[in-house]
Amino acid sequence: MLKRIIEKNYKWIIAFLCLIIVIMMLEDIFENEQLTLDMVVYRLVILNLRSEPLTVMMKVITNLSSAYVLIAITLGTLLFIKNKKVGLCVASNLVMTTLLNQLLKYIVQRPRPEGYRLIAESGYSFPSGHSMVSMAFYGLIIYLIWKMVKNKKIKYISCGILGLLIPMIGFSRIYLGVHYASDVIGGFAISIVYLLLFTNIARSVLQLEKEKIKIMDKRKMVKLRKKRKKLRNSFKYAFEGIVEAWKTEQNLKIHFVIMALVIIAGFMFKISAMEWIICLLLFAIVISLELINTAIETTVDIAMPDINEKAKYAKDIAAGAVLFSAIISVIIGLIIFLPKIFG
């Protein structure tokens, strides 16, 4: 009985254990206590393992979780993978994880380790951004490869390499002296919980269990449909709408390209957590209004296929809302970035 309960709920048991780990760490961090784990790892890694060849290797590994690399991979999935839902899942995962990490850093506000850094870093320490984002980003890619790639050799080799890369990125942050061990472990734990939730959504959106559902008997299928129909359809139709808009609307592609450029600039100029939140809110507003504008134009075209002055008026107002939000966003962007560019 206990074995069945564990097998059925093992994901949530893992999530619960990860949350306990994070809470225990935060308790000591908020009380400004030095964690024993951090002291032990410091003596082991910083005092005993450092060498010039290993330092070069760690710098290369840590850059595999830099903003430039992750954005390049994301753009590659959007442009070159035929199933556009996969690219949108990867992109939304990266944006959401980055936002969550910046929010947690802003809440905890733990200073970074001092005195033994090998590279320059700014901002708060907990949770480690590279560790948290790499676990969520490469973890999702592992999940997608495991579910979608049929060639077993490619599947095992790819998942094995990425599975080793994630802890190596976390280790590199400790080795280079820019994070405590607890920052890295906490980042991994938070991302594991996040991934368990996000992959459930991705599985429904991408219909990754379609073959398994076909094998089930009719009774199980009916129960499964009743349970998942509302949630699955809501996400499914939403992503289908975004994909269709991406295919047909040139302006939406421009907005996404600008968003990617602003994100790159944000990492280059190391904007603050509050500035990140403002930028992400502006992305959401402009892109949402563009999607609403597309919906209004489509609806008007269906209702009034012939030339009509009022129909034109409705379309112009919707387009004007997008333009106005884009202009305000540009002004706010200039306020944020110009002082950093010329300062």
Protein backbone atom coordinates (compact mmCIF):
# COMPACT_ATOMS: atom_id res chain seq x y z
CA MET A 1 0.00 0.00 0.00
CA LEU A 2 2.75 2.43 1.00
CA LYS A 3 4.76 1.46 -2.09
CA ARG A 4 1.80 2.28 -4.35
CA ILE A 5 1.29 5.65 -2.68
CA ILE A 6 4.99 6.50 -3.14
CA GLU A 7 5.01 5.36 -6.79
CA LYS A 8 1.88 7.37 -7.53
CA ASN A 9 3.01 10.56 -5.77
CA TYR A 10 6.80 10.39 -6.02
CA LYS A 11 7.00 13.68 -7.92
CA TRP A 12 5.22 15.60 -5.18
CA ILE A 13 7.27 13.84 -2.50
CA ILE A 14 10.41 15.07 -4.27
CA ALA A 15 8.92 18.58 -4.52
CA PHE A 16 8.06 18.54 -0.80
CA LEU A 17 11.60 17.46 0.16
CA CYS A 18 13.10 20.17 -2.05
CA LEU A 19 10.90 22.82 -0.40
CA ILE A 20 11.99 21.61 3.05
CA ILE A 21 15.65 21.98 2.00
CA VAL A 22 15.04 25.52 0.74
CA ILE A 23 13.11 26.54 3.87
CA MET A 24 15.84 25.19 6.17
CA MET A 25 18.48 27.14 4.25
CA LEU A 26 16.43 30.34 4.25
CA GLU A 27 15.91 30.09 7.99
CA ASP A 28 19.69 30.24 8.57
CA ILE A 29 20.22 32.87 5.86
CA PHE A 30 17.61 35.24 7.31
CA GLU A 31 19.22 34.82 10.76
CA ASN A 32 22.63 35.67 9.21
CA GLU A 33 24.09 32.34 10.30
CA GLN A 34 27.02 30.72 8.50
CA LEU A 35 25.87 27.37 7.10
CA THR A 36 28.12 24.42 7.95
CA LEU A 37 27.69 23.15 4.39
CA ASP A 38 29.15 26.38 2.99
CA MET A 39 32.19 26.21 5.29
CA VAL A 40 32.93 22.57 4.45
CA VAL A 41 32.61 23.09 0.69
CA TYR A 42 34.72 26.26 0.90
CA ARG A 43 37.61 24.34 2.51
CA LEU A 44 37.27 21.46 0.04
CA VAL A 45 36.89 23.42 -3.20
CA ILE A 46 38.48 26.85 -2.74
CA LEU A 47 41.47 25.79 -0.64
CA ASN A 48 42.26 22.38 -2.15
CA LEU A 49 40.97 22.04 -5.74
CA ARG A 50 41.84 25.26 -7.50
CA SER A 51 44.37 25.15 -10.34
CA GLU A 52 44.91 27.12 -13.54
CA PRO A 53 43.72 24.40 -16.00
CA LEU A 54 40.63 23.71 -13.88
CA THR A 55 39.87 27.43 -13.62
CA VAL A 56 39.86 27.76 -17.42
CA MET A 57 37.51 24.77 -17.68
CA MET A 58 35.16 26.15 -15.01
CA LYS A 59 34.93 29.51 -16.79
CA VAL A 60 33.92 27.75 -20.01
CA ILE A 61 31.33 25.59 -18.22
CA THR A 62 29.80 28.52 -16.32
CA ASN A 63 29.33 30.40 -19.60
CA LEU A 64 27.13 27.58 -20.91
CA SER A 65 24.45 28.99 -18.63
CA SER A 66 25.04 32.63 -19.57
CA ALA A 67 22.24 34.75 -21.00
CA TYR A 68 23.82 34.79 -24.47
CA VAL A 69 24.00 31.00 -24.77
CA LEU A 70 20.51 30.34 -23.40
CA ILE A 71 18.90 33.03 -25.57
CA ALA A 72 20.74 31.69 -28.64
CA ILE A 73 19.46 28.16 -27.95
CA THR A 74 15.94 29.50 -27.39
CA LEU A 75 15.98 31.45 -30.66
CA GLY A 76 17.26 28.31 -32.38
CA THR A 77 14.29 26.28 -31.11
CA LEU A 78 11.88 29.01 -32.23
CA LEU A 79 13.38 29.29 -35.70
CA PHE A 80 14.45 25.74 -36.60
CA ILE A 81 12.12 23.30 -34.82
CA LYS A 82 9.00 22.67 -36.89
CA ASN A 83 6.73 22.23 -33.88
CA LYS A 84 6.50 25.88 -32.79
CA LYS A 85 4.90 24.88 -29.51
CA VAL A 86 8.24 23.40 -28.44
CA GLY A 87 10.02 26.70 -29.07
CA LEU A 88 7.35 28.66 -27.21
CA CYS A 89 7.60 26.27 -24.24
CA VAL A 90 11.38 26.71 -24.12
CA ALA A 91 11.12 30.50 -24.45
CA SER A 92 8.39 30.90 -21.84
CA ASN A 93 10.31 28.59 -19.49
CA LEU A 94 13.45 30.76 -19.78
CA VAL A 95 11.54 34.01 -19.19
CA MET A 96 9.57 32.63 -16.23
CA THR A 97 12.63 31.09 -14.57
CA THR A 98 14.66 34.28 -14.96
CA LEU A 99 11.86 36.38 -13.53
CA LEU A 100 11.36 33.97 -10.61
CA ASN A 101 15.09 33.96 -9.85
CA GLN A 102 15.33 37.76 -9.86
CA LEU A 103 12.25 38.00 -7.63
CA LEU A 104 13.70 35.53 -5.09
CA LYS A 105 17.06 37.31 -5.08
CA TYR A 106 15.29 40.60 -4.41
CA ILE A 107 13.32 39.06 -1.52
CA VAL A 108 16.26 37.26 0.16
CA GLN A 109 18.98 39.85 -0.59
CA ARG A 110 21.90 37.66 0.49
CA PRO A 111 25.31 39.24 -0.23
CA ARG A 112 27.72 37.30 -2.41
CA PRO A 113 30.88 35.66 -0.96
CA GLU A 114 33.78 38.07 -0.61
CA GLY A 115 37.52 37.66 -0.92
CA TYR A 116 37.99 34.68 -3.23
CA ARG A 117 36.15 35.41 -6.51
CA LEU A 118 37.86 34.51 -9.78
CA ILE A 119 35.33 36.41 -11.93
CA ALA A 120 33.39 39.64 -11.43
CA GLU A 121 29.71 39.32 -10.54
CA SER A 122 27.15 41.70 -9.09
CA GLY A 123 23.72 41.35 -7.54
CA TYR A 124 22.50 39.15 -4.73
CA SER A 125 23.62 35.59 -4.08
CA PHE A 126 20.62 33.38 -3.17
CA PRO A 127 19.48 31.51 -5.14
CA SER A 128 22.24 31.09 -7.72
CA GLY A 129 20.88 32.35 -11.05
CA HIS A 130 23.12 30.17 -13.19
CA SER A 131 22.25 27.05 -11.17
CA MET A 132 18.53 27.73 -11.01
CA VAL A 133 18.14 28.71 -14.67
CA SER A 134 20.39 25.90 -15.95
CA MET A 135 18.40 23.29 -14.01
CA ALA A 136 15.10 24.64 -15.34
CA PHE A 137 16.32 25.29 -18.90
CA TYR A 138 18.43 22.20 -19.59
CA GLY A 139 16.10 20.11 -17.41
CA LEU A 140 13.18 20.98 -19.69
CA ILE A 141 15.28 20.15 -22.76
CA ILE A 142 16.17 16.77 -21.21
CA TYR A 143 12.47 16.15 -20.62
CA LEU A 144 11.56 17.10 -24.21
CA ILE A 145 14.34 14.95 -25.69
CA TRP A 146 13.32 11.98 -23.53
CA LYS A 147 9.68 12.29 -24.57
CA MET A 148 10.05 13.25 -28.25
CA VAL A 149 13.27 11.72 -29.63
CA LYS A 150 12.76 8.14 -30.86
CA ASN A 151 16.41 7.22 -31.54
CA LYS A 152 17.56 5.64 -28.26
CA LYS A 153 21.29 6.33 -28.77
CA ILE A 154 20.71 10.03 -29.42
CA LYS A 155 18.25 10.18 -26.52
CA TYR A 156 20.58 8.55 -23.97
CA ILE A 157 23.72 10.41 -25.07
CA SER A 158 21.99 13.83 -25.18
CA CYS A 159 20.24 13.38 -21.85
CA GLY A 160 23.45 12.03 -20.27
CA ILE A 161 25.56 15.00 -21.42
CA LEU A 162 22.98 17.58 -20.32
CA GLY A 163 22.43 15.69 -17.07
CA LEU A 164 26.16 16.03 -16.28
CA LEU A 165 26.28 19.65 -17.47
CA ILE A 166 23.73 20.90 -14.93
CA PRO A 167 25.66 19.92 -11.74
CA MET A 168 28.92 21.03 -13.40
CA ILE A 169 27.47 24.51 -13.92
CA GLY A 170 26.47 24.62 -10.26
CA PHE A 171 29.93 23.44 -9.18
CA SER A 172 31.57 26.09 -11.39
CA ARG A 173 29.73 28.86 -9.50
CA ILE A 174 31.14 27.58 -6.20
CA TYR A 175 34.62 27.01 -7.65
CA LEU A 176 34.78 30.53 -9.12
CA GLY A 177 33.85 31.97 -5.72
CA VAL A 178 30.70 33.84 -6.76
CA HIS A 179 28.23 31.67 -4.83
CA TYR A 180 27.98 29.68 -1.63
CA ALA A 181 27.20 25.97 -1.92
CA SER A 182 23.79 26.66 -0.34
CA ASP A 183 23.03 29.16 -3.13
CA VAL A 184 23.62 26.45 -5.73
CA ILE A 185 21.74 23.68 -3.91
CA GLY A 186 18.87 26.05 -3.14
CA GLY A 187 18.69 27.11 -6.80
CA PHE A 188 18.59 23.49 -7.94
CA ALA A 189 15.90 22.60 -5.38
CA ILE A 190 13.66 25.53 -6.37
CA SER A 191 14.02 24.67 -10.07
CA ILE A 192 13.15 21.01 -9.46
CA VAL A 193 9.86 22.08 -7.87
CA TYR A 194 9.27 24.53 -10.71
CA LEU A 195 10.08 21.89 -13.36
CA LEU A 196 7.64 19.38 -11.88
CA LEU A 197 4.88 21.96 -12.33
CA PHE A 198 6.02 23.28 -15.73
CA THR A 199 6.51 19.86 -17.33
CA ASN A 200 2.93 18.94 -16.40
CA ILE A 201 1.77 21.96 -18.39
CA ALA A 202 4.18 21.22 -21.26
CA ARG A 203 3.01 17.61 -21.43
CA SER A 204 -0.59 18.73 -21.89
CA VAL A 205 0.24 21.48 -24.38
CA LEU A 206 2.53 19.31 -26.51
CA GLN A 207 0.34 16.19 -26.11
CA LEU A 208 3.40 14.10 -25.24
CA GLU A 209 1.33 11.23 -23.84
CA LYS A 210 -0.87 10.83 -26.89
CA GLU A 211 0.37 7.28 -27.61
CA LYS A 212 -0.16 6.17 -24.01
CA ILE A 213 -3.71 7.49 -24.03
CA LYS A 214 -4.51 5.41 -27.13
CA ILE A 215 -3.49 2.24 -25.31
CA MET A 216 -5.76 2.92 -22.33
CA ASP A 217 -9.20 1.39 -22.22
CA LYS A 218 -12.25 3.56 -22.78
CA ARG A 219 -13.17 3.91 -19.12
CA LYS A 220 -9.77 5.26 -18.18
CA MET A 221 -9.82 7.61 -21.15
CA VAL A 222 -13.18 9.05 -20.12
CA LYS A 223 -11.94 9.63 -16.56
CA LEU A 224 -8.70 11.17 -17.80
CA ARG A 225 -10.52 13.48 -20.18
CA LYS A 226 -12.92 14.68 -17.49
CA LYS A 227 -10.02 15.38 -15.15
CA ARG A 228 -7.71 17.15 -17.57
CA LYS A 229 -10.02 18.59 -20.19
CA LYS A 230 -10.50 22.07 -18.79
CA LEU A 231 -6.87 22.70 -17.77
CA ARG A 232 -5.38 21.05 -20.84
CA ASN A 233 -7.65 22.79 -23.31
CA SER A 234 -7.14 26.19 -21.75
CA PHE A 235 -3.35 25.98 -22.14
CA LYS A 236 -3.59 24.14 -25.47
CA TYR A 237 -5.83 26.71 -27.14
CA ALA A 238 -3.87 29.59 -25.65
CA PHE A 239 -0.58 28.30 -27.09
CA GLU A 240 -2.25 27.51 -30.42
CA GLY A 241 -3.44 31.11 -30.57
CA ILE A 242 0.05 32.43 -29.92
CA VAL A 243 1.55 30.09 -32.54
CA GLU A 244 -1.01 31.13 -35.18
CA ALA A 245 -0.43 34.80 -34.42
CA TRP A 246 3.34 34.21 -34.69
CA LYS A 247 2.89 32.63 -38.13
CA THR A 248 0.65 35.35 -39.55
CA GLU A 249 1.56 38.61 -37.78
CA GLN A 250 4.85 40.29 -38.74
CA ASN A 251 4.48 42.84 -35.93
CA LEU A 252 4.38 40.10 -33.30
CA LYS A 253 7.69 38.69 -34.56
CA ILE A 254 9.19 42.18 -34.31
CA HIS A 255 7.98 42.50 -30.71
CA PHE A 256 9.57 39.15 -29.78
CA VAL A 257 12.88 40.11 -31.43
CA ILE A 258 12.90 43.43 -29.54
CA MET A 259 12.11 41.55 -26.33
CA ALA A 260 15.09 39.22 -26.92
CA LEU A 261 17.40 42.20 -27.58
CA VAL A 262 16.22 43.98 -24.42
CA ILE A 263 16.81 40.82 -22.36
CA ILE A 264 20.36 40.56 -23.76
CA ALA A 265 20.92 44.27 -22.96
CA GLY A 266 19.54 43.70 -19.46
CA PHE A 267 22.15 41.02 -18.75
CA MET A 268 24.92 43.07 -20.37
CA PHE A 269 24.22 46.20 -18.29
CA LYS A 270 23.20 44.22 -15.17
CA ILE A 271 19.91 46.01 -14.56
CA SER A 272 18.31 45.72 -11.12
CA ALA A 273 15.55 43.30 -10.10
CA MET A 274 12.95 46.10 -10.14
CA GLU A 275 14.06 47.14 -13.64
CA TRP A 276 13.73 43.51 -14.77
CA ILE A 277 10.19 43.39 -13.40
CA ILE A 278 9.30 46.64 -15.22
CA CYS A 279 10.74 45.34 -18.52
CA LEU A 280 8.94 42.00 -18.25
CA LEU A 281 5.64 43.73 -17.46
CA LEU A 282 6.09 45.95 -20.53
CA PHE A 283 6.82 42.87 -22.68
CA ALA A 284 3.61 41.29 -21.42
CA ILE A 285 1.53 44.43 -22.03
CA VAL A 286 2.76 45.10 -25.58
CA ILE A 287 2.61 41.47 -26.75
CA SER A 288 -0.80 40.93 -25.12
CA LEU A 289 -2.20 44.02 -26.81
CA GLU A 290 -0.78 42.85 -30.14
CA LEU A 291 -2.55 39.51 -29.69
CA ILE A 292 -5.80 41.29 -28.75
CA ASN A 293 -5.41 43.53 -31.81
CA THR A 294 -5.03 40.44 -34.02
CA ALA A 295 -8.15 38.89 -32.45
CA ILE A 296 -10.16 42.10 -33.03
CA GLU A 297 -9.04 42.36 -36.66
CA THR A 298 -9.95 38.72 -37.32
CA THR A 299 -13.36 39.09 -35.65
CA VAL A 300 -14.16 42.27 -37.58
CA ASP A 301 -13.14 40.65 -40.87
CA ILE A 302 -15.51 37.74 -40.18
CA ALA A 303 -18.40 39.97 -39.10
CA MET A 304 -17.93 42.55 -41.86
CA PRO A 305 -16.09 41.11 -44.88
CA ASP A 306 -17.00 44.11 -47.03
CA ILE A 307 -15.40 47.55 -46.65
CA ASN A 308 -17.04 49.34 -43.74
CA GLU A 309 -16.12 52.63 -42.09
CA LYS A 310 -17.00 51.46 -38.57
CA ALA A 311 -15.02 48.26 -39.04
CA LYS A 312 -12.00 50.33 -40.07
CA TYR A 313 -12.55 52.56 -37.03
CA ALA A 314 -12.49 49.52 -34.68
CA LYS A 315 -9.30 48.17 -36.27
CA ASP A 316 -7.58 51.56 -36.10
CA ILE A 317 -8.37 51.96 -32.41
CA ALA A 318 -7.02 48.48 -31.61
CA ALA A 319 -3.84 49.18 -33.59
CA GLY A 320 -3.55 52.55 -31.85
CA ALA A 321 -3.59 50.85 -28.44
CA VAL A 322 -0.64 48.67 -29.49
CA LEU A 323 1.26 51.67 -30.87
CA PHE A 324 0.66 53.75 -27.74
CA SER A 325 1.86 50.95 -25.43
CA ALA A 326 4.93 50.38 -27.64
CA ILE A 327 5.85 54.10 -27.57
CA ILE A 328 5.52 54.26 -23.77
CA SER A 329 7.59 51.07 -23.48
CA VAL A 330 10.34 52.57 -25.64
CA ILE A 331 10.39 55.71 -23.47
CA ILE A 332 10.65 53.65 -20.28
CA GLY A 333 13.35 51.49 -21.89
CA LEU A 334 15.38 54.60 -22.74
CA ILE A 335 15.01 55.86 -19.16
CA ILE A 336 16.38 52.54 -17.87
CA PHE A 337 19.18 51.93 -20.38
CA LEU A 338 20.50 55.36 -21.49
CA PRO A 339 22.11 56.18 -18.11
CA LYS A 340 23.78 52.75 -18.15
CA ILE A 341 25.00 53.15 -21.74
CA PHE A 342 26.41 56.69 -21.34
CA GLY A 343 27.05 56.64 -17.59
